[in-house]
Amino acid sequence: MDEPKETETKEPEAKPVDTGEGDKSELAKETELANAAAERMEKATERQEAAIAKARLGGISEAGQPPVEAKEETDKEYKDRIIGSK
């Protein structure tokens, strides 16, 4: 009945790194992710709008080419186009 006593040695437990996210609920985490995504989309939209405004002020058409100037038609060209040359 004399059993030897086991000596327990406690090893130091590894403490988890506190990221500050342990107290947040899943809904709060999802909300933060959605807000971050919305901010990225807003920034992208602002950059796109700025690029469009710059292109319009610079005189560049949407295709990236300067607008084609209208050619003036002579009287003969007009008559041939309307009546048709036979």
N, C-alpha and C. Protein backbone atom coordinates (compact mmCIF):
# COMPACT_ATOMS: atom_id res chain seq x y z
N MET A 1 0.79 -1.16 0.00
CA MET A 1 0.00 0.00 0.00
C MET A 1 0.84 1.24 0.00
N ASP A 2 2.03 0.99 0.07
CA ASP A 2 2.92 2.14 -0.09
C ASP A 2 3.19 2.32 -1.58
N GLU A 3 2.37 3.10 -2.17
CA GLU A 3 2.56 3.36 -3.60
C GLU A 3 3.38 4.63 -3.75
N PRO A 4 4.30 4.61 -4.67
CA PRO A 4 5.09 5.83 -4.84
C PRO A 4 4.21 6.94 -5.42
N LYS A 5 4.41 8.11 -4.92
CA LYS A 5 3.63 9.26 -5.39
C LYS A 5 4.24 9.74 -6.70
N GLU A 6 3.34 9.97 -7.60
CA GLU A 6 3.81 10.47 -8.89
C GLU A 6 3.98 11.98 -8.77
N THR A 7 5.10 12.41 -9.20
CA THR A 7 5.32 13.85 -9.17
C THR A 7 4.93 14.40 -10.53
N GLU A 8 4.06 15.31 -10.47
CA GLU A 8 3.61 15.93 -11.71
C GLU A 8 4.41 17.18 -11.97
N THR A 9 4.95 17.25 -13.13
CA THR A 9 5.65 18.47 -13.52
C THR A 9 4.79 19.16 -14.57
N LYS A 10 4.48 20.35 -14.29
CA LYS A 10 3.65 21.11 -15.22
C LYS A 10 4.56 21.82 -16.21
N GLU A 11 4.29 21.55 -17.45
CA GLU A 11 5.03 22.23 -18.50
C GLU A 11 4.30 23.54 -18.80
N PRO A 12 5.06 24.56 -19.10
CA PRO A 12 4.38 25.82 -19.41
C PRO A 12 3.49 25.65 -20.66
N GLU A 13 2.28 26.10 -20.52
CA GLU A 13 1.35 25.98 -21.63
C GLU A 13 1.62 27.09 -22.64
N ALA A 14 1.48 26.74 -23.89
CA ALA A 14 1.67 27.72 -24.96
C ALA A 14 0.44 28.63 -24.98
N LYS A 15 0.67 29.89 -24.77
CA LYS A 15 -0.43 30.84 -24.76
C LYS A 15 -0.74 31.25 -26.20
N PRO A 16 -1.99 31.21 -26.57
CA PRO A 16 -2.34 31.63 -27.93
C PRO A 16 -2.11 33.12 -28.12
N VAL A 17 -1.76 33.47 -29.33
CA VAL A 17 -1.53 34.88 -29.65
C VAL A 17 -2.88 35.57 -29.73
N ASP A 18 -3.01 36.67 -29.03
CA ASP A 18 -4.26 37.40 -29.02
C ASP A 18 -4.34 38.29 -30.26
N THR A 19 -5.21 37.90 -31.18
CA THR A 19 -5.39 38.68 -32.39
C THR A 19 -6.49 39.70 -32.24
N GLY A 20 -7.21 39.63 -31.14
CA GLY A 20 -8.29 40.57 -30.92
C GLY A 20 -9.57 40.16 -31.61
N GLU A 21 -9.54 39.02 -32.29
CA GLU A 21 -10.72 38.57 -33.01
C GLU A 21 -11.47 37.48 -32.25
N GLY A 22 -10.98 37.06 -31.13
CA GLY A 22 -11.61 35.98 -30.39
C GLY A 22 -12.96 36.35 -29.81
N ASP A 23 -13.16 37.61 -29.53
CA ASP A 23 -14.40 38.03 -28.91
C ASP A 23 -15.48 38.36 -29.94
N LYS A 24 -15.14 38.36 -31.20
CA LYS A 24 -16.09 38.77 -32.23
C LYS A 24 -16.96 37.59 -32.65
N SER A 25 -18.20 37.88 -32.90
CA SER A 25 -19.11 36.85 -33.37
C SER A 25 -18.91 36.65 -34.87
N GLU A 26 -19.46 35.59 -35.38
CA GLU A 26 -19.35 35.31 -36.81
C GLU A 26 -20.01 36.41 -37.63
N LEU A 27 -21.11 36.94 -37.13
CA LEU A 27 -21.81 38.00 -37.84
C LEU A 27 -20.94 39.25 -37.93
N ALA A 28 -20.23 39.56 -36.85
CA ALA A 28 -19.36 40.74 -36.86
C ALA A 28 -18.20 40.54 -37.83
N LYS A 29 -17.66 39.33 -37.90
CA LYS A 29 -16.57 39.05 -38.84
C LYS A 29 -17.06 39.18 -40.27
N GLU A 30 -18.23 38.63 -40.56
CA GLU A 30 -18.79 38.73 -41.91
C GLU A 30 -19.09 40.18 -42.27
N THR A 31 -19.55 40.96 -41.32
CA THR A 31 -19.84 42.36 -41.56
C THR A 31 -18.56 43.12 -41.88
N GLU A 32 -17.48 42.83 -41.16
CA GLU A 32 -16.20 43.48 -41.45
C GLU A 32 -15.70 43.13 -42.83
N LEU A 33 -15.83 41.86 -43.21
CA LEU A 33 -15.41 41.45 -44.55
C LEU A 33 -16.23 42.15 -45.63
N ALA A 34 -17.54 42.26 -45.40
CA ALA A 34 -18.41 42.92 -46.38
C ALA A 34 -18.08 44.40 -46.48
N ASN A 35 -17.79 45.03 -45.34
CA ASN A 35 -17.43 46.45 -45.36
C ASN A 35 -16.11 46.67 -46.09
N ALA A 36 -15.15 45.79 -45.88
CA ALA A 36 -13.86 45.91 -46.56
C ALA A 36 -14.03 45.74 -48.07
N ALA A 37 -14.87 44.79 -48.47
CA ALA A 37 -15.13 44.58 -49.89
C ALA A 37 -15.83 45.80 -50.50
N ALA A 38 -16.76 46.39 -49.76
CA ALA A 38 -17.46 47.57 -50.26
C ALA A 38 -16.50 48.75 -50.42
N GLU A 39 -15.57 48.90 -49.49
CA GLU A 39 -14.58 49.98 -49.60
C GLU A 39 -13.70 49.79 -50.83
N ARG A 40 -13.28 48.54 -51.09
CA ARG A 40 -12.45 48.28 -52.27
C ARG A 40 -13.22 48.60 -53.55
N MET A 41 -14.51 48.24 -53.58
CA MET A 41 -15.32 48.52 -54.76
C MET A 41 -15.50 50.02 -54.96
N GLU A 42 -15.70 50.76 -53.87
CA GLU A 42 -15.86 52.21 -53.97
C GLU A 42 -14.60 52.85 -54.52
N LYS A 43 -13.43 52.41 -54.05
CA LYS A 43 -12.17 52.97 -54.54
C LYS A 43 -11.98 52.65 -56.02
N ALA A 44 -12.32 51.44 -56.43
CA ALA A 44 -12.20 51.06 -57.84
C ALA A 44 -13.14 51.89 -58.70
N THR A 45 -14.34 52.13 -58.21
CA THR A 45 -15.32 52.93 -58.94
C THR A 45 -14.83 54.37 -59.08
N GLU A 46 -14.25 54.91 -58.02
CA GLU A 46 -13.72 56.28 -58.08
C GLU A 46 -12.60 56.38 -59.10
N ARG A 47 -11.71 55.38 -59.13
CA ARG A 47 -10.62 55.40 -60.10
C ARG A 47 -11.17 55.31 -61.53
N GLN A 48 -12.19 54.46 -61.72
CA GLN A 48 -12.77 54.31 -63.05
C GLN A 48 -13.46 55.60 -63.48
N GLU A 49 -14.20 56.22 -62.58
CA GLU A 49 -14.87 57.48 -62.91
C GLU A 49 -13.85 58.56 -63.24
N ALA A 50 -12.74 58.60 -62.51
CA ALA A 50 -11.70 59.59 -62.79
C ALA A 50 -11.08 59.36 -64.16
N ALA A 51 -10.88 58.10 -64.53
CA ALA A 51 -10.31 57.79 -65.84
C ALA A 51 -11.27 58.19 -66.96
N ILE A 52 -12.56 57.96 -66.76
CA ILE A 52 -13.55 58.34 -67.78
C ILE A 52 -13.60 59.86 -67.92
N ALA A 53 -13.60 60.58 -66.80
CA ALA A 53 -13.63 62.04 -66.85
C ALA A 53 -12.39 62.58 -67.53
N LYS A 54 -11.24 62.00 -67.25
CA LYS A 54 -9.99 62.45 -67.87
C LYS A 54 -10.04 62.22 -69.38
N ALA A 55 -10.58 61.08 -69.79
CA ALA A 55 -10.68 60.79 -71.22
C ALA A 55 -11.63 61.76 -71.92
N ARG A 56 -12.74 62.08 -71.25
CA ARG A 56 -13.70 63.00 -71.87
C ARG A 56 -13.13 64.41 -71.97
N LEU A 57 -12.44 64.84 -70.92
CA LEU A 57 -11.86 66.18 -70.95
C LEU A 57 -10.69 66.26 -71.92
N GLY A 58 -10.04 65.14 -72.15
CA GLY A 58 -8.91 65.10 -73.05
C GLY A 58 -9.32 65.03 -74.50
N GLY A 59 -10.60 64.89 -74.78
CA GLY A 59 -11.07 64.85 -76.15
C GLY A 59 -10.92 63.49 -76.80
N ILE A 60 -10.82 62.46 -76.01
CA ILE A 60 -10.68 61.12 -76.56
C ILE A 60 -12.04 60.46 -76.51
N SER A 61 -12.41 59.82 -77.61
CA SER A 61 -13.69 59.12 -77.62
C SER A 61 -13.59 57.86 -76.80
N GLU A 62 -14.71 57.21 -76.61
CA GLU A 62 -14.73 56.01 -75.77
C GLU A 62 -13.88 54.90 -76.36
N ALA A 63 -13.71 54.87 -77.66
CA ALA A 63 -12.91 53.83 -78.29
C ALA A 63 -11.43 54.16 -78.21
N GLY A 64 -11.08 55.32 -77.72
CA GLY A 64 -9.68 55.69 -77.61
C GLY A 64 -9.15 56.40 -78.85
N GLN A 65 -10.01 56.72 -79.77
CA GLN A 65 -9.62 57.40 -80.99
C GLN A 65 -10.22 58.80 -81.00
N PRO A 66 -9.51 59.77 -81.60
CA PRO A 66 -10.11 61.10 -81.70
C PRO A 66 -11.33 61.05 -82.60
N PRO A 67 -12.32 61.89 -82.33
CA PRO A 67 -13.53 61.86 -83.16
C PRO A 67 -13.22 62.22 -84.62
N VAL A 68 -13.94 61.57 -85.51
CA VAL A 68 -13.76 61.80 -86.94
C VAL A 68 -14.48 63.09 -87.31
N GLU A 69 -13.76 63.96 -88.00
CA GLU A 69 -14.38 65.22 -88.42
C GLU A 69 -15.25 64.98 -89.65
N ALA A 70 -16.41 65.64 -89.70
CA ALA A 70 -17.33 65.48 -90.82
C ALA A 70 -16.75 66.12 -92.07
N LYS A 71 -16.84 65.41 -93.18
CA LYS A 71 -16.35 65.92 -94.46
C LYS A 71 -17.48 66.71 -95.12
N GLU A 72 -17.15 67.89 -95.59
CA GLU A 72 -18.17 68.68 -96.28
C GLU A 72 -18.37 68.12 -97.68
N GLU A 73 -19.64 68.05 -98.04
CA GLU A 73 -20.03 67.46 -99.30
C GLU A 73 -20.21 68.55 -100.36
N THR A 74 -19.70 68.32 -101.55
CA THR A 74 -19.90 69.29 -102.64
C THR A 74 -21.31 69.11 -103.19
N ASP A 75 -21.72 70.08 -104.01
CA ASP A 75 -23.06 70.01 -104.60
C ASP A 75 -23.20 68.79 -105.50
N LYS A 76 -22.18 68.50 -106.24
CA LYS A 76 -22.22 67.35 -107.16
C LYS A 76 -22.31 66.04 -106.38
N GLU A 77 -21.54 65.93 -105.28
CA GLU A 77 -21.58 64.72 -104.47
C GLU A 77 -22.96 64.55 -103.84
N TYR A 78 -23.57 65.65 -103.41
CA TYR A 78 -24.89 65.62 -102.81
C TYR A 78 -25.91 65.13 -103.85
N LYS A 79 -25.86 65.73 -105.05
CA LYS A 79 -26.80 65.38 -106.12
C LYS A 79 -26.64 63.91 -106.47
N ASP A 80 -25.41 63.43 -106.58
CA ASP A 80 -25.17 62.04 -106.95
C ASP A 80 -25.68 61.09 -105.84
N ARG A 81 -25.52 61.49 -104.60
CA ARG A 81 -25.95 60.64 -103.49
C ARG A 81 -27.48 60.58 -103.43
N ILE A 82 -28.16 61.74 -103.66
CA ILE A 82 -29.62 61.78 -103.55
C ILE A 82 -30.29 61.18 -104.78
N ILE A 83 -29.90 61.63 -105.93
CA ILE A 83 -30.53 61.18 -107.17
C ILE A 83 -29.93 59.84 -107.61
N GLY A 84 -28.70 59.68 -107.35
CA GLY A 84 -28.01 58.48 -107.79
C GLY A 84 -27.41 58.72 -109.15
N SER A 85 -26.22 58.26 -109.35
CA SER A 85 -25.58 58.46 -110.65
C SER A 85 -25.95 57.29 -111.55
N LYS A 86 -26.50 57.65 -112.75
CA LYS A 86 -26.96 56.63 -113.69
C LYS A 86 -26.08 56.57 -114.89
